[in-house]
Amino acid sequence: MEMKFRTQSGAIVTADPMAERQTPLELADPAAERGVGQVEPAHLLRKQIEGVIREYGADPAEAALAVCVILDGNLGLAEDGWFDDDETVLNAIIAGNQADD
């Protein structure tokens, strides 16, 4: 018995409370859902993060790394020392910067 819930942000979450094993919750694609309303521009930080979570949904570690790179690109967190103790994130940021050049 699958049930769909709409969050305050308009995302649709699907859950089956009767399932024997719980499957991870999934967010429906707002662009594909009728009645969701206005789809926000892709340049919004929230939409960028949502996109990488969808892209790397099966691998939470890769999704987290991609979110850190997006946050650094938009907010300059590495310059403020937020990732000083995380060599993996720093390497991903450097690789992203080299790819942009």
PDB file of N, CA and C in Angstrom:
ATOM      1  N   MET A   1       0.853  -1.169   0.000  1.00  0.00           N
ATOM      2  CA  MET A   1       0.000   0.000   0.000  1.00  0.00           C
ATOM      3  C   MET A   1       0.896   1.228   0.000  1.00  0.00           C
ATOM      4  N   GLU A   2       1.180   1.713  -1.157  1.00  0.00           N
ATOM      5  CA  GLU A   2       2.077   2.853  -1.306  1.00  0.00           C
ATOM      6  C   GLU A   2       1.300   4.146  -1.103  1.00  0.00           C
ATOM      7  N   MET A   3       1.900   5.051  -0.350  1.00  0.00           N
ATOM      8  CA  MET A   3       1.256   6.337  -0.084  1.00  0.00           C
ATOM      9  C   MET A   3       2.199   7.446  -0.516  1.00  0.00           C
ATOM     10  N   LYS A   4       1.619   8.536  -1.008  1.00  0.00           N
ATOM     11  CA  LYS A   4       2.416   9.686  -1.405  1.00  0.00           C
ATOM     12  C   LYS A   4       2.082  10.848  -0.481  1.00  0.00           C
ATOM     13  N   PHE A   5       3.122  11.543  -0.058  1.00  0.00           N
ATOM     14  CA  PHE A   5       2.976  12.701   0.808  1.00  0.00           C
ATOM     15  C   PHE A   5       3.649  13.886   0.143  1.00  0.00           C
ATOM     16  N   ARG A   6       3.065  15.046   0.287  1.00  0.00           N
ATOM     17  CA  ARG A   6       3.655  16.263  -0.268  1.00  0.00           C
ATOM     18  C   ARG A   6       4.238  17.074   0.890  1.00  0.00           C
ATOM     19  N   THR A   7       5.506  17.457   0.757  1.00  0.00           N
ATOM     20  CA  THR A   7       6.152  18.271   1.780  1.00  0.00           C
ATOM     21  C   THR A   7       5.766  19.728   1.591  1.00  0.00           C
ATOM     22  N   GLN A   8       6.130  20.562   2.544  1.00  0.00           N
ATOM     23  CA  GLN A   8       5.811  21.984   2.445  1.00  0.00           C
ATOM     24  C   GLN A   8       6.494  22.633   1.254  1.00  0.00           C
ATOM     25  N   SER A   9       7.624  22.092   0.828  1.00  0.00           N
ATOM     26  CA  SER A   9       8.334  22.663  -0.315  1.00  0.00           C
ATOM     27  C   SER A   9       7.736  22.220  -1.646  1.00  0.00           C
ATOM     28  N   GLY A  10       6.783  21.292  -1.610  1.00  0.00           N
ATOM     29  CA  GLY A  10       6.147  20.828  -2.830  1.00  0.00           C
ATOM     30  C   GLY A  10       6.661  19.498  -3.332  1.00  0.00           C
ATOM     31  N   ALA A  11       7.705  18.966  -2.702  1.00  0.00           N
ATOM     32  CA  ALA A  11       8.241  17.671  -3.116  1.00  0.00           C
ATOM     33  C   ALA A  11       7.271  16.567  -2.705  1.00  0.00           C
ATOM     34  N   ILE A  12       7.225  15.508  -3.485  1.00  0.00           N
ATOM     35  CA  ILE A  12       6.360  14.380  -3.174  1.00  0.00           C
ATOM     36  C   ILE A  12       7.232  13.240  -2.664  1.00  0.00           C
ATOM     37  N   VAL A  13       6.902  12.728  -1.480  1.00  0.00           N
ATOM     38  CA  VAL A  13       7.639  11.636  -0.862  1.00  0.00           C
ATOM     39  C   VAL A  13       6.754  10.402  -0.917  1.00  0.00           C
ATOM     40  N   THR A  14       7.294   9.291  -1.384  1.00  0.00           N
ATOM     41  CA  THR A  14       6.554   8.043  -1.493  1.00  0.00           C
ATOM     42  C   THR A  14       6.997   7.104  -0.379  1.00  0.00           C
ATOM     43  N   ALA A  15       6.024   6.505   0.319  1.00  0.00           N
ATOM     44  CA  ALA A  15       6.343   5.575   1.400  1.00  0.00           C
ATOM     45  C   ALA A  15       5.305   4.457   1.422  1.00  0.00           C
ATOM     46  N   ASP A  16       5.722   3.275   1.847  1.00  0.00           N
ATOM     47  CA  ASP A  16       4.825   2.135   2.001  1.00  0.00           C
ATOM     48  C   ASP A  16       4.918   1.660   3.442  1.00  0.00           C
ATOM     49  N   PRO A  17       3.990   2.091   4.303  1.00  0.00           N
ATOM     50  CA  PRO A  17       4.075   1.724   5.720  1.00  0.00           C
ATOM     51  C   PRO A  17       3.836   0.237   5.970  1.00  0.00           C
ATOM     52  N   MET A  18       3.265  -0.488   5.015  1.00  0.00           N
ATOM     53  CA  MET A  18       2.969  -1.901   5.204  1.00  0.00           C
ATOM     54  C   MET A  18       4.097  -2.814   4.712  1.00  0.00           C
ATOM     55  N   ALA A  19       5.116  -2.244   4.121  1.00  0.00           N
ATOM     56  CA  ALA A  19       6.212  -3.052   3.581  1.00  0.00           C
ATOM     57  C   ALA A  19       6.982  -3.725   4.706  1.00  0.00           C
ATOM     58  N   GLU A  20       7.433  -4.957   4.442  1.00  0.00           N
ATOM     59  CA  GLU A  20       8.200  -5.679   5.449  1.00  0.00           C
ATOM     60  C   GLU A  20       9.563  -5.047   5.664  1.00  0.00           C
ATOM     61  N   ARG A  21      10.199  -4.661   4.592  1.00  0.00           N
ATOM     62  CA  ARG A  21      11.469  -3.950   4.742  1.00  0.00           C
ATOM     63  C   ARG A  21      11.256  -2.546   4.196  1.00  0.00           C
ATOM     64  N   GLN A  22      11.773  -1.617   4.897  1.00  0.00           N
ATOM     65  CA  GLN A  22      11.600  -0.228   4.495  1.00  0.00           C
ATOM     66  C   GLN A  22      12.559   0.101   3.361  1.00  0.00           C
ATOM     67  N   THR A  23      12.035   0.660   2.304  1.00  0.00           N
ATOM     68  CA  THR A  23      12.871   1.140   1.214  1.00  0.00           C
ATOM     69  C   THR A  23      13.152   2.608   1.463  1.00  0.00           C
ATOM     70  N   PRO A  24      14.256   3.111   0.960  1.00  0.00           N
ATOM     71  CA  PRO A  24      14.560   4.526   1.174  1.00  0.00           C
ATOM     72  C   PRO A  24      13.484   5.407   0.548  1.00  0.00           C
ATOM     73  N   LEU A  25      13.212   6.511   1.205  1.00  0.00           N
ATOM     74  CA  LEU A  25      12.248   7.461   0.663  1.00  0.00           C
ATOM     75  C   LEU A  25      12.803   8.063  -0.606  1.00  0.00           C
ATOM     76  N   GLU A  26      11.937   8.359  -1.542  1.00  0.00           N
ATOM     77  CA  GLU A  26      12.383   8.955  -2.795  1.00  0.00           C
ATOM     78  C   GLU A  26      11.594  10.223  -3.055  1.00  0.00           C
ATOM     79  N   LEU A  27      12.262  11.189  -3.606  1.00  0.00           N
ATOM     80  CA  LEU A  27      11.609  12.432  -3.975  1.00  0.00           C
ATOM     81  C   LEU A  27      11.190  12.352  -5.433  1.00  0.00           C
ATOM     82  N   ALA A  28       9.941  12.700  -5.680  1.00  0.00           N
ATOM     83  CA  ALA A  28       9.468  12.732  -7.060  1.00  0.00           C
ATOM     84  C   ALA A  28      10.072  13.943  -7.762  1.00  0.00           C
ATOM     85  N   ASP A  29      10.203  13.856  -9.056  1.00  0.00           N
ATOM     86  CA  ASP A  29      10.734  14.967  -9.839  1.00  0.00           C
ATOM     87  C   ASP A  29       9.639  16.009 -10.006  1.00  0.00           C
ATOM     88  N   PRO A  30       9.803  17.222  -9.440  1.00  0.00           N
ATOM     89  CA  PRO A  30       8.748  18.235  -9.523  1.00  0.00           C
ATOM     90  C   PRO A  30       8.391  18.601 -10.956  1.00  0.00           C
ATOM     91  N   ALA A  31       9.343  18.513 -11.871  1.00  0.00           N
ATOM     92  CA  ALA A  31       9.056  18.863 -13.260  1.00  0.00           C
ATOM     93  C   ALA A  31       8.140  17.827 -13.906  1.00  0.00           C
ATOM     94  N   ALA A  32       8.164  16.590 -13.413  1.00  0.00           N
ATOM     95  CA  ALA A  32       7.360  15.527 -13.998  1.00  0.00           C
ATOM     96  C   ALA A  32       5.988  15.401 -13.342  1.00  0.00           C
ATOM     97  N   GLU A  33       5.800  15.990 -12.184  1.00  0.00           N
ATOM     98  CA  GLU A  33       4.546  15.887 -11.457  1.00  0.00           C
ATOM     99  C   GLU A  33       3.586  16.984 -11.867  1.00  0.00           C
ATOM    100  N   ARG A  34       2.362  16.608 -12.163  1.00  0.00           N
ATOM    101  CA  ARG A  34       1.346  17.611 -12.459  1.00  0.00           C
ATOM    102  C   ARG A  34       0.879  18.239 -11.154  1.00  0.00           C
ATOM    103  N   GLY A  35       0.555  19.506 -11.203  1.00  0.00           N
ATOM    104  CA  GLY A  35      -0.018  20.173 -10.044  1.00  0.00           C
ATOM    105  C   GLY A  35       0.981  20.625  -9.004  1.00  0.00           C
ATOM    106  N   VAL A  36       2.244  20.453  -9.267  1.00  0.00           N
ATOM    107  CA  VAL A  36       3.246  20.883  -8.292  1.00  0.00           C
ATOM    108  C   VAL A  36       3.374  22.395  -8.313  1.00  0.00           C
ATOM    109  N   GLY A  37       3.099  23.002  -9.426  1.00  0.00           N
ATOM    110  CA  GLY A  37       3.181  24.454  -9.517  1.00  0.00           C
ATOM    111  C   GLY A  37       4.431  24.878 -10.245  1.00  0.00           C
ATOM    112  N   GLN A  38       4.845  26.077  -9.965  1.00  0.00           N
ATOM    113  CA  GLN A  38       5.991  26.658 -10.643  1.00  0.00           C
ATOM    114  C   GLN A  38       7.262  25.888 -10.299  1.00  0.00           C
ATOM    115  N   VAL A  39       8.001  25.486 -11.312  1.00  0.00           N
ATOM    116  CA  VAL A  39       9.294  24.839 -11.104  1.00  0.00           C
ATOM    117  C   VAL A  39      10.343  25.936 -11.036  1.00  0.00           C
ATOM    118  N   GLU A  40      11.144  25.922  -9.977  1.00  0.00           N
ATOM    119  CA  GLU A  40      12.127  26.965  -9.757  1.00  0.00           C
ATOM    120  C   GLU A  40      13.245  26.881 -10.787  1.00  0.00           C
ATOM    121  N   PRO A  41      13.892  28.009 -11.053  1.00  0.00           N
ATOM    122  CA  PRO A  41      15.021  28.000 -11.987  1.00  0.00           C
ATOM    123  C   PRO A  41      16.152  27.107 -11.472  1.00  0.00           C
ATOM    124  N   ALA A  42      16.888  26.508 -12.397  1.00  0.00           N
ATOM    125  CA  ALA A  42      17.946  25.561 -12.041  1.00  0.00           C
ATOM    126  C   ALA A  42      19.121  26.229 -11.344  1.00  0.00           C
ATOM    127  N   HIS A  43      19.238  27.564 -11.420  1.00  0.00           N
ATOM    128  CA  HIS A  43      20.383  28.221 -10.807  1.00  0.00           C
ATOM    129  C   HIS A  43      20.231  28.352  -9.293  1.00  0.00           C
ATOM    130  N   LEU A  44      19.057  28.081  -8.743  1.00  0.00           N
ATOM    131  CA  LEU A  44      18.888  28.138  -7.298  1.00  0.00           C
ATOM    132  C   LEU A  44      19.755  27.066  -6.639  1.00  0.00           C
ATOM    133  N   LEU A  45      20.390  27.439  -5.543  1.00  0.00           N
ATOM    134  CA  LEU A  45      21.283  26.516  -4.842  1.00  0.00           C
ATOM    135  C   LEU A  45      20.546  25.241  -4.439  1.00  0.00           C
ATOM    136  N   ARG A  46      19.338  25.379  -3.947  1.00  0.00           N
ATOM    137  CA  ARG A  46      18.554  24.218  -3.526  1.00  0.00           C
ATOM    138  C   ARG A  46      18.321  23.267  -4.695  1.00  0.00           C
ATOM    139  N   LYS A  47      18.049  23.801  -5.879  1.00  0.00           N
ATOM    140  CA  LYS A  47      17.799  22.958  -7.040  1.00  0.00           C
ATOM    141  C   LYS A  47      19.086  22.278  -7.510  1.00  0.00           C
ATOM    142  N   GLN A  48      20.218  22.952  -7.376  1.00  0.00           N
ATOM    143  CA  GLN A  48      21.494  22.329  -7.731  1.00  0.00           C
ATOM    144  C   GLN A  48      21.773  21.144  -6.810  1.00  0.00           C
ATOM    145  N   ILE A  49      21.527  21.348  -5.515  1.00  0.00           N
ATOM    146  CA  ILE A  49      21.746  20.276  -4.541  1.00  0.00           C
ATOM    147  C   ILE A  49      20.782  19.123  -4.811  1.00  0.00           C
ATOM    148  N   GLU A  50      19.529  19.445  -5.076  1.00  0.00           N
ATOM    149  CA  GLU A  50      18.539  18.411  -5.382  1.00  0.00           C
ATOM    150  C   GLU A  50      18.960  17.601  -6.611  1.00  0.00           C
ATOM    151  N   GLY A  51      19.510  18.284  -7.606  1.00  0.00           N
ATOM    152  CA  GLY A  51      19.955  17.601  -8.820  1.00  0.00           C
ATOM    153  C   GLY A  51      21.063  16.598  -8.566  1.00  0.00           C
ATOM    154  N   VAL A  52      22.058  16.974  -7.759  1.00  0.00           N
ATOM    155  CA  VAL A  52      23.149  16.018  -7.499  1.00  0.00           C
ATOM    156  C   VAL A  52      22.689  14.889  -6.596  1.00  0.00           C
ATOM    157  N   ILE A  53      21.746  15.152  -5.705  1.00  0.00           N
ATOM    158  CA  ILE A  53      21.220  14.067  -4.873  1.00  0.00           C
ATOM    159  C   ILE A  53      20.492  13.056  -5.750  1.00  0.00           C
ATOM    160  N   ARG A  54      19.737  13.545  -6.722  1.00  0.00           N
ATOM    161  CA  ARG A  54      19.074  12.630  -7.663  1.00  0.00           C
ATOM    162  C   ARG A  54      20.113  11.860  -8.492  1.00  0.00           C
ATOM    163  N   GLU A  55      21.130  12.566  -8.953  1.00  0.00           N
ATOM    164  CA  GLU A  55      22.146  11.950  -9.805  1.00  0.00           C
ATOM    165  C   GLU A  55      22.925  10.868  -9.070  1.00  0.00           C
ATOM    166  N   TYR A  56      23.280  11.127  -7.814  1.00  0.00           N
ATOM    167  CA  TYR A  56      24.084  10.184  -7.038  1.00  0.00           C
ATOM    168  C   TYR A  56      23.255   9.505  -5.958  1.00  0.00           C
ATOM    169  N   GLY A  57      21.956   9.377  -6.163  1.00  0.00           N
ATOM    170  CA  GLY A  57      21.052   8.834  -5.151  1.00  0.00           C
ATOM    171  C   GLY A  57      21.462   7.481  -4.600  1.00  0.00           C
ATOM    172  N   ALA A  58      22.058   6.641  -5.418  1.00  0.00           N
ATOM    173  CA  ALA A  58      22.451   5.310  -4.963  1.00  0.00           C
ATOM    174  C   ALA A  58      23.742   5.332  -4.160  1.00  0.00           C
ATOM    175  N   ASP A  59      24.478   6.428  -4.213  1.00  0.00           N
ATOM    176  CA  ASP A  59      25.763   6.523  -3.517  1.00  0.00           C
ATOM    177  C   ASP A  59      25.788   7.789  -2.660  1.00  0.00           C
ATOM    178  N   PRO A  60      25.387   7.682  -1.388  1.00  0.00           N
ATOM    179  CA  PRO A  60      25.327   8.861  -0.521  1.00  0.00           C
ATOM    180  C   PRO A  60      26.669   9.570  -0.351  1.00  0.00           C
ATOM    181  N   ALA A  61      27.777   8.825  -0.376  1.00  0.00           N
ATOM    182  CA  ALA A  61      29.092   9.448  -0.213  1.00  0.00           C
ATOM    183  C   ALA A  61      29.407  10.357  -1.396  1.00  0.00           C
ATOM    184  N   GLU A  62      29.106   9.894  -2.611  1.00  0.00           N
ATOM    185  CA  GLU A  62      29.334  10.720  -3.803  1.00  0.00           C
ATOM    186  C   GLU A  62      28.398  11.922  -3.810  1.00  0.00           C
ATOM    187  N   ALA A  63      27.156  11.720  -3.372  1.00  0.00           N
ATOM    188  CA  ALA A  63      26.201  12.834  -3.312  1.00  0.00           C
ATOM    189  C   ALA A  63      26.686  13.891  -2.325  1.00  0.00           C
ATOM    190  N   ALA A  64      27.173  13.461  -1.166  1.00  0.00           N
ATOM    191  CA  ALA A  64      27.671  14.406  -0.166  1.00  0.00           C
ATOM    192  C   ALA A  64      28.875  15.174  -0.694  1.00  0.00           C
ATOM    193  N   LEU A  65      29.760  14.488  -1.393  1.00  0.00           N
ATOM    194  CA  LEU A  65      30.932  15.136  -1.975  1.00  0.00           C
ATOM    195  C   LEU A  65      30.509  16.177  -3.011  1.00  0.00           C
ATOM    196  N   ALA A  66      29.554  15.816  -3.859  1.00  0.00           N
ATOM    197  CA  ALA A  66      29.069  16.749  -4.880  1.00  0.00           C
ATOM    198  C   ALA A  66      28.388  17.960  -4.247  1.00  0.00           C
ATOM    199  N   VAL A  67      27.651  17.754  -3.156  1.00  0.00           N
ATOM    200  CA  VAL A  67      27.007  18.874  -2.456  1.00  0.00           C
ATOM    201  C   VAL A  67      28.069  19.800  -1.870  1.00  0.00           C
ATOM    202  N   CYS A  68      29.122  19.241  -1.298  1.00  0.00           N
ATOM    203  CA  CYS A  68      30.205  20.071  -0.754  1.00  0.00           C
ATOM    204  C   CYS A  68      30.852  20.914  -1.846  1.00  0.00           C
ATOM    205  N   VAL A  69      31.059  20.330  -3.024  1.00  0.00           N
ATOM    206  CA  VAL A  69      31.658  21.074  -4.137  1.00  0.00           C
ATOM    207  C   VAL A  69      30.725  22.197  -4.580  1.00  0.00           C
ATOM    208  N   ILE A  70      29.427  21.927  -4.645  1.00  0.00           N
ATOM    209  CA  ILE A  70      28.458  22.969  -5.014  1.00  0.00           C
ATOM    210  C   ILE A  70      28.459  24.087  -3.983  1.00  0.00           C
ATOM    211  N   LEU A  71      28.448  23.721  -2.701  1.00  0.00           N
ATOM    212  CA  LEU A  71      28.445  24.741  -1.646  1.00  0.00           C
ATOM    213  C   LEU A  71      29.703  25.594  -1.710  1.00  0.00           C
ATOM    214  N   ASP A  72      30.844  24.960  -1.972  1.00  0.00           N
ATOM    215  CA  ASP A  72      32.071  25.737  -2.090  1.00  0.00           C
ATOM    216  C   ASP A  72      32.014  26.666  -3.296  1.00  0.00           C
ATOM    217  N   GLY A  73      31.506  26.174  -4.406  1.00  0.00           N
ATOM    218  CA  GLY A  73      31.422  26.996  -5.606  1.00  0.00           C
ATOM    219  C   GLY A  73      30.527  28.208  -5.432  1.00  0.00           C
ATOM    220  N   ASN A  74      29.484  28.077  -4.622  1.00  0.00           N
ATOM    221  CA  ASN A  74      28.541  29.173  -4.428  1.00  0.00           C
ATOM    222  C   ASN A  74      28.873  30.051  -3.227  1.00  0.00           C
ATOM    223  N   LEU A  75      29.465  29.465  -2.203  1.00  0.00           N
ATOM    224  CA  LEU A  75      29.691  30.199  -0.956  1.00  0.00           C
ATOM    225  C   LEU A  75      31.162  30.366  -0.592  1.00  0.00           C
ATOM    226  N   GLY A  76      32.065  29.730  -1.325  1.00  0.00           N
ATOM    227  CA  GLY A  76      33.491  29.852  -1.038  1.00  0.00           C
ATOM    228  C   GLY A  76      33.886  29.290   0.316  1.00  0.00           C
ATOM    229  N   LEU A  77      33.314  28.155   0.688  1.00  0.00           N
ATOM    230  CA  LEU A  77      33.561  27.593   2.016  1.00  0.00           C
ATOM    231  C   LEU A  77      35.007  27.153   2.223  1.00  0.00           C
ATOM    232  N   ALA A  78      35.673  26.679   1.180  1.00  0.00           N
ATOM    233  CA  ALA A  78      37.062  26.223   1.329  1.00  0.00           C
ATOM    234  C   ALA A  78      37.971  27.383   1.705  1.00  0.00           C
ATOM    235  N   GLU A  79      37.696  28.556   1.164  1.00  0.00           N
ATOM    236  CA  GLU A  79      38.514  29.731   1.486  1.00  0.00           C
ATOM    237  C   GLU A  79      38.410  30.103   2.960  1.00  0.00           C
ATOM    238  N   ASP A  80      37.273  29.767   3.572  1.00  0.00           N
ATOM    239  CA  ASP A  80      37.067  30.073   4.986  1.00  0.00           C
ATOM    240  C   ASP A  80      37.477  28.926   5.901  1.00  0.00           C
ATOM    241  N   GLY A  81      38.061  27.866   5.329  1.00  0.00           N
ATOM    242  CA  GLY A  81      38.585  26.776   6.143  1.00  0.00           C
ATOM    243  C   GLY A  81      37.595  25.683   6.498  1.00  0.00           C
ATOM    244  N   TRP A  82      36.426  25.675   5.891  1.00  0.00           N
ATOM    245  CA  TRP A  82      35.409  24.686   6.237  1.00  0.00           C
ATOM    246  C   TRP A  82      35.826  23.264   5.885  1.00  0.00           C
ATOM    247  N   PHE A  83      36.684  23.089   4.897  1.00  0.00           N
ATOM    248  CA  PHE A  83      37.066  21.749   4.452  1.00  0.00           C
ATOM    249  C   PHE A  83      38.539  21.450   4.719  1.00  0.00           C
ATOM    250  N   ASP A  84      39.162  22.187   5.612  1.00  0.00           N
ATOM    251  CA  ASP A  84      40.592  22.007   5.879  1.00  0.00           C
ATOM    252  C   ASP A  84      40.939  20.587   6.326  1.00  0.00           C
ATOM    253  N   ASP A  85      40.044  19.923   7.040  1.00  0.00           N
ATOM    254  CA  ASP A  85      40.316  18.582   7.558  1.00  0.00           C
ATOM    255  C   ASP A  85      39.813  17.474   6.638  1.00  0.00           C
ATOM    256  N   ASP A  86      39.312  17.825   5.464  1.00  0.00           N
ATOM    257  CA  ASP A  86      38.739  16.826   4.560  1.00  0.00           C
ATOM    258  C   ASP A  86      39.456  16.868   3.211  1.00  0.00           C
ATOM    259  N   GLU A  87      40.485  16.051   3.101  1.00  0.00           N
ATOM    260  CA  GLU A  87      41.317  16.047   1.896  1.00  0.00           C
ATOM    261  C   GLU A  87      40.528  15.619   0.655  1.00  0.00           C
ATOM    262  N   THR A  88      39.553  14.738   0.828  1.00  0.00           N
ATOM    263  CA  THR A  88      38.753  14.274  -0.310  1.00  0.00           C
ATOM    264  C   THR A  88      37.976  15.422  -0.935  1.00  0.00           C
ATOM    265  N   VAL A  89      37.357  16.248  -0.094  1.00  0.00           N
ATOM    266  CA  VAL A  89      36.595  17.396  -0.603  1.00  0.00           C
ATOM    267  C   VAL A  89      37.539  18.401  -1.254  1.00  0.00           C
ATOM    268  N   LEU A  90      38.670  18.669  -0.619  1.00  0.00           N
ATOM    269  CA  LEU A  90      39.629  19.618  -1.192  1.00  0.00           C
ATOM    270  C   LEU A  90      40.116  19.147  -2.563  1.00  0.00           C
ATOM    271  N   ASN A  91      40.394  17.846  -2.689  1.00  0.00           N
ATOM    272  CA  ASN A  91      40.830  17.313  -3.985  1.00  0.00           C
ATOM    273  C   ASN A  91      39.731  17.437  -5.038  1.00  0.00           C
ATOM    274  N   ALA A  92      38.481  17.208  -4.640  1.00  0.00           N
ATOM    275  CA  ALA A  92      37.362  17.336  -5.584  1.00  0.00           C
ATOM    276  C   ALA A  92      37.182  18.784  -6.023  1.00  0.00           C
ATOM    277  N   ILE A  93      37.368  19.724  -5.099  1.00  0.00           N
ATOM    278  CA  ILE A  93      37.249  21.149  -5.435  1.00  0.00           C
ATOM    279  C   ILE A  93      38.357  21.543  -6.405  1.00  0.00           C
ATOM    280  N   ILE A  94      39.586  21.088  -6.119  1.00  0.00           N
ATOM    281  CA  ILE A  94      40.716  21.397  -7.005  1.00  0.00           C
ATOM    282  C   ILE A  94      40.488  20.792  -8.388  1.00  0.00           C
ATOM    283  N   ALA A  95      40.011  19.549  -8.433  1.00  0.00           N
ATOM    284  CA  ALA A  95      39.742  18.897  -9.720  1.00  0.00           C
ATOM    285  C   ALA A  95      38.652  19.640 -10.486  1.00  0.00           C
ATOM    286  N   GLY A  96      37.640  20.114  -9.789  1.00  0.00           N
ATOM    287  CA  GLY A  96      36.576  20.884 -10.433  1.00  0.00           C
ATOM    288  C   GLY A  96      37.079  22.202 -10.974  1.00  0.00           C
ATOM    289  N   ASN A  97      37.968  22.849 -10.222  1.00  0.00           N
ATOM    290  CA  ASN A  97      38.542  24.120 -10.682  1.00  0.00           C
ATOM    291  C   ASN A  97      39.427  23.913 -11.908  1.00  0.00           C
ATOM    292  N   GLN A  98      40.200  22.822 -11.923  1.00  0.00           N
ATOM    293  CA  GLN A  98      41.051  22.537 -13.076  1.00  0.00           C
ATOM    294  C   GLN A  98      40.215  22.199 -14.304  1.00  0.00           C
ATOM    295  N   ALA A  99      39.079  21.536 -14.093  1.00  0.00           N
ATOM    296  CA  ALA A  99      38.202  21.196 -15.217  1.00  0.00           C
ATOM    297  C   ALA A  99      37.555  22.448 -15.803  1.00  0.00           C
ATOM    298  N   ASP A 100      37.321  23.461 -14.957  1.00  0.00           N
ATOM    299  CA  ASP A 100      36.719  24.714 -15.422  1.00  0.00           C
ATOM    300  C   ASP A 100      37.693  25.538 -16.252  1.00  0.00           C
ATOM    301  N   ASP A 101      38.999  25.372 -15.980  1.00  0.00           N
ATOM    302  CA  ASP A 101      40.021  26.168 -16.692  1.00  0.00           C
ATOM    303  C   ASP A 101      40.257  25.708 -18.070  1.00  0.00           C
TER     304      ASP A 101
END
